[in-house]
Amino acid sequence: SFAVLLSALKDPQAEVRWWAAFALGELGDKRALPELKRVALVDKGKARNGFSVRVEARRAYDRLSKHG
């Protein structure tokens, strides 16, 4: 659910945060914008594949802010 994904952005594991940001971008719920913005500014974690949580949060934020 939306609330679970939003709370997952604060998970201690970067992998969980990365997938939460990705899923929130796919979900399309603009209520996620403030938290995605926060993560895009401060998160320094990287998922196992080397992808940056910050970059994924920014991508999700940009995607949500352009729709609707």
N, C-alpha and C. Protein backbone atom coordinates (compact mmCIF):
# COMPACT_ATOMS: atom_id res chain seq x y z
N SER A 1 0.84 -1.19 0.00
CA SER A 1 0.00 0.00 0.00
C SER A 1 0.88 1.25 0.00
N PHE A 2 0.25 2.37 -0.24
CA PHE A 2 0.96 3.64 -0.29
C PHE A 2 1.71 3.90 1.01
N ALA A 3 1.04 3.72 2.15
CA ALA A 3 1.65 4.00 3.45
C ALA A 3 2.87 3.12 3.71
N VAL A 4 2.80 1.87 3.31
CA VAL A 4 3.93 0.95 3.50
C VAL A 4 5.12 1.41 2.66
N LEU A 5 4.86 1.77 1.41
CA LEU A 5 5.94 2.24 0.54
C LEU A 5 6.56 3.53 1.07
N LEU A 6 5.72 4.43 1.54
CA LEU A 6 6.22 5.70 2.07
C LEU A 6 7.12 5.45 3.28
N SER A 7 6.69 4.58 4.18
CA SER A 7 7.51 4.30 5.36
C SER A 7 8.79 3.56 4.98
N ALA A 8 8.76 2.78 3.89
CA ALA A 8 9.94 2.05 3.45
C ALA A 8 11.05 2.99 2.98
N LEU A 9 10.72 4.23 2.66
CA LEU A 9 11.75 5.21 2.28
C LEU A 9 12.68 5.52 3.46
N LYS A 10 12.28 5.14 4.67
CA LYS A 10 13.10 5.37 5.86
C LYS A 10 13.75 4.08 6.37
N ASP A 11 13.64 3.02 5.61
CA ASP A 11 14.22 1.74 6.00
C ASP A 11 15.74 1.86 6.10
N PRO A 12 16.37 1.15 7.04
CA PRO A 12 17.83 1.24 7.15
C PRO A 12 18.58 0.65 5.94
N GLN A 13 17.94 -0.23 5.20
CA GLN A 13 18.61 -0.84 4.04
C GLN A 13 18.37 -0.03 2.77
N ALA A 14 19.45 0.35 2.12
CA ALA A 14 19.36 1.15 0.89
C ALA A 14 18.56 0.43 -0.19
N GLU A 15 18.70 -0.88 -0.26
CA GLU A 15 17.97 -1.65 -1.27
C GLU A 15 16.45 -1.47 -1.13
N VAL A 16 15.98 -1.48 0.10
CA VAL A 16 14.55 -1.30 0.37
C VAL A 16 14.12 0.12 -0.01
N ARG A 17 14.95 1.10 0.34
CA ARG A 17 14.63 2.49 0.00
C ARG A 17 14.59 2.70 -1.51
N TRP A 18 15.55 2.08 -2.23
CA TRP A 18 15.58 2.23 -3.68
C TRP A 18 14.29 1.70 -4.30
N TRP A 19 13.89 0.48 -3.89
CA TRP A 19 12.68 -0.13 -4.46
C TRP A 19 11.43 0.63 -4.04
N ALA A 20 11.43 1.20 -2.85
CA ALA A 20 10.28 2.00 -2.42
C ALA A 20 10.15 3.24 -3.30
N ALA A 21 11.26 3.91 -3.57
CA ALA A 21 11.23 5.09 -4.44
C ALA A 21 10.76 4.71 -5.84
N PHE A 22 11.28 3.61 -6.36
CA PHE A 22 10.86 3.14 -7.68
C PHE A 22 9.35 2.88 -7.69
N ALA A 23 8.87 2.13 -6.71
CA ALA A 23 7.45 1.77 -6.66
C ALA A 23 6.56 2.99 -6.51
N LEU A 24 6.98 3.96 -5.71
CA LEU A 24 6.18 5.17 -5.54
C LEU A 24 6.10 5.95 -6.85
N GLY A 25 7.17 5.96 -7.61
CA GLY A 25 7.14 6.61 -8.92
C GLY A 25 6.18 5.92 -9.86
N GLU A 26 6.13 4.59 -9.78
CA GLU A 26 5.21 3.83 -10.63
C GLU A 26 3.76 3.98 -10.17
N LEU A 27 3.55 4.10 -8.88
CA LEU A 27 2.21 4.18 -8.32
C LEU A 27 1.48 5.44 -8.77
N GLY A 28 2.21 6.54 -8.85
CA GLY A 28 1.63 7.76 -9.37
C GLY A 28 0.85 8.60 -8.37
N ASP A 29 1.06 8.38 -7.08
CA ASP A 29 0.35 9.13 -6.05
C ASP A 29 1.19 10.34 -5.63
N LYS A 30 0.66 11.54 -5.94
CA LYS A 30 1.42 12.77 -5.69
C LYS A 30 1.66 13.06 -4.21
N ARG A 31 0.96 12.36 -3.33
CA ARG A 31 1.21 12.55 -1.89
C ARG A 31 2.65 12.15 -1.53
N ALA A 32 3.30 11.38 -2.39
CA ALA A 32 4.67 10.95 -2.12
C ALA A 32 5.70 12.03 -2.42
N LEU A 33 5.30 13.09 -3.10
CA LEU A 33 6.27 14.10 -3.55
C LEU A 33 7.14 14.67 -2.43
N PRO A 34 6.59 15.10 -1.29
CA PRO A 34 7.47 15.69 -0.26
C PRO A 34 8.53 14.71 0.27
N GLU A 35 8.14 13.47 0.49
CA GLU A 35 9.10 12.49 1.01
C GLU A 35 10.11 12.10 -0.06
N LEU A 36 9.69 11.98 -1.31
CA LEU A 36 10.64 11.70 -2.39
C LEU A 36 11.65 12.83 -2.52
N LYS A 37 11.18 14.05 -2.38
CA LYS A 37 12.09 15.19 -2.46
C LYS A 37 13.12 15.13 -1.34
N ARG A 38 12.67 14.80 -0.12
CA ARG A 38 13.59 14.69 1.01
C ARG A 38 14.66 13.63 0.73
N VAL A 39 14.23 12.47 0.27
CA VAL A 39 15.16 11.37 -0.01
C VAL A 39 16.14 11.78 -1.12
N ALA A 40 15.63 12.45 -2.14
CA ALA A 40 16.47 12.89 -3.25
C ALA A 40 17.55 13.87 -2.79
N LEU A 41 17.29 14.59 -1.73
CA LEU A 41 18.26 15.57 -1.24
C LEU A 41 19.27 14.99 -0.26
N VAL A 42 18.88 13.98 0.51
CA VAL A 42 19.75 13.57 1.62
C VAL A 42 20.26 12.13 1.58
N ASP A 43 19.63 11.25 0.84
CA ASP A 43 20.00 9.84 0.91
C ASP A 43 21.28 9.56 0.13
N LYS A 44 22.23 8.94 0.78
CA LYS A 44 23.51 8.62 0.14
C LYS A 44 23.67 7.13 -0.13
N GLY A 45 22.61 6.36 0.08
CA GLY A 45 22.68 4.92 -0.07
C GLY A 45 22.70 4.45 -1.51
N LYS A 46 23.19 3.24 -1.67
CA LYS A 46 23.19 2.59 -2.99
C LYS A 46 22.63 1.18 -2.83
N ALA A 47 21.81 0.78 -3.79
CA ALA A 47 21.26 -0.57 -3.81
C ALA A 47 22.36 -1.54 -4.22
N ARG A 48 22.10 -2.83 -4.10
CA ARG A 48 23.11 -3.85 -4.45
C ARG A 48 23.60 -3.73 -5.88
N ASN A 49 22.73 -3.26 -6.77
CA ASN A 49 23.13 -3.12 -8.17
C ASN A 49 23.97 -1.87 -8.41
N GLY A 50 24.22 -1.10 -7.34
CA GLY A 50 25.02 0.11 -7.44
C GLY A 50 24.21 1.35 -7.74
N PHE A 51 22.93 1.18 -7.94
CA PHE A 51 22.08 2.33 -8.26
C PHE A 51 21.84 3.18 -7.01
N SER A 52 21.87 4.47 -7.19
CA SER A 52 21.73 5.42 -6.10
C SER A 52 20.26 5.60 -5.69
N VAL A 53 20.02 5.54 -4.39
CA VAL A 53 18.68 5.80 -3.86
C VAL A 53 18.28 7.24 -4.19
N ARG A 54 19.21 8.15 -4.04
CA ARG A 54 18.94 9.57 -4.31
C ARG A 54 18.50 9.79 -5.75
N VAL A 55 19.20 9.17 -6.68
CA VAL A 55 18.87 9.33 -8.10
C VAL A 55 17.49 8.73 -8.40
N GLU A 56 17.19 7.58 -7.82
CA GLU A 56 15.88 6.96 -8.06
C GLU A 56 14.77 7.79 -7.46
N ALA A 57 14.99 8.36 -6.28
CA ALA A 57 13.98 9.22 -5.66
C ALA A 57 13.75 10.46 -6.53
N ARG A 58 14.81 11.01 -7.07
CA ARG A 58 14.67 12.19 -7.94
C ARG A 58 13.91 11.82 -9.22
N ARG A 59 14.20 10.65 -9.78
CA ARG A 59 13.50 10.20 -10.98
C ARG A 59 12.00 10.03 -10.68
N ALA A 60 11.70 9.42 -9.55
CA ALA A 60 10.30 9.22 -9.17
C ALA A 60 9.62 10.57 -8.93
N TYR A 61 10.33 11.48 -8.27
CA TYR A 61 9.77 12.81 -8.01
C TYR A 61 9.46 13.52 -9.33
N ASP A 62 10.41 13.49 -10.25
CA ASP A 62 10.22 14.15 -11.54
C ASP A 62 9.04 13.54 -12.30
N ARG A 63 8.95 12.23 -12.24
CA ARG A 63 7.86 11.54 -12.94
C ARG A 63 6.50 11.94 -12.37
N LEU A 64 6.40 11.96 -11.05
CA LEU A 64 5.13 12.31 -10.41
C LEU A 64 4.77 13.78 -10.63
N SER A 65 5.76 14.65 -10.57
CA SER A 65 5.47 16.08 -10.69
C SER A 65 5.07 16.48 -12.10
N LYS A 66 5.40 15.65 -13.10
CA LYS A 66 5.04 15.97 -14.49
C LYS A 66 3.66 15.46 -14.88
N HIS A 67 3.11 14.52 -14.11
CA HIS A 67 1.82 13.91 -14.46
C HIS A 67 0.68 14.57 -13.70
N GLY A 68 -0.44 14.69 -14.39
CA GLY A 68 -1.67 15.11 -13.76
C GLY A 68 -1.87 16.55 -13.66
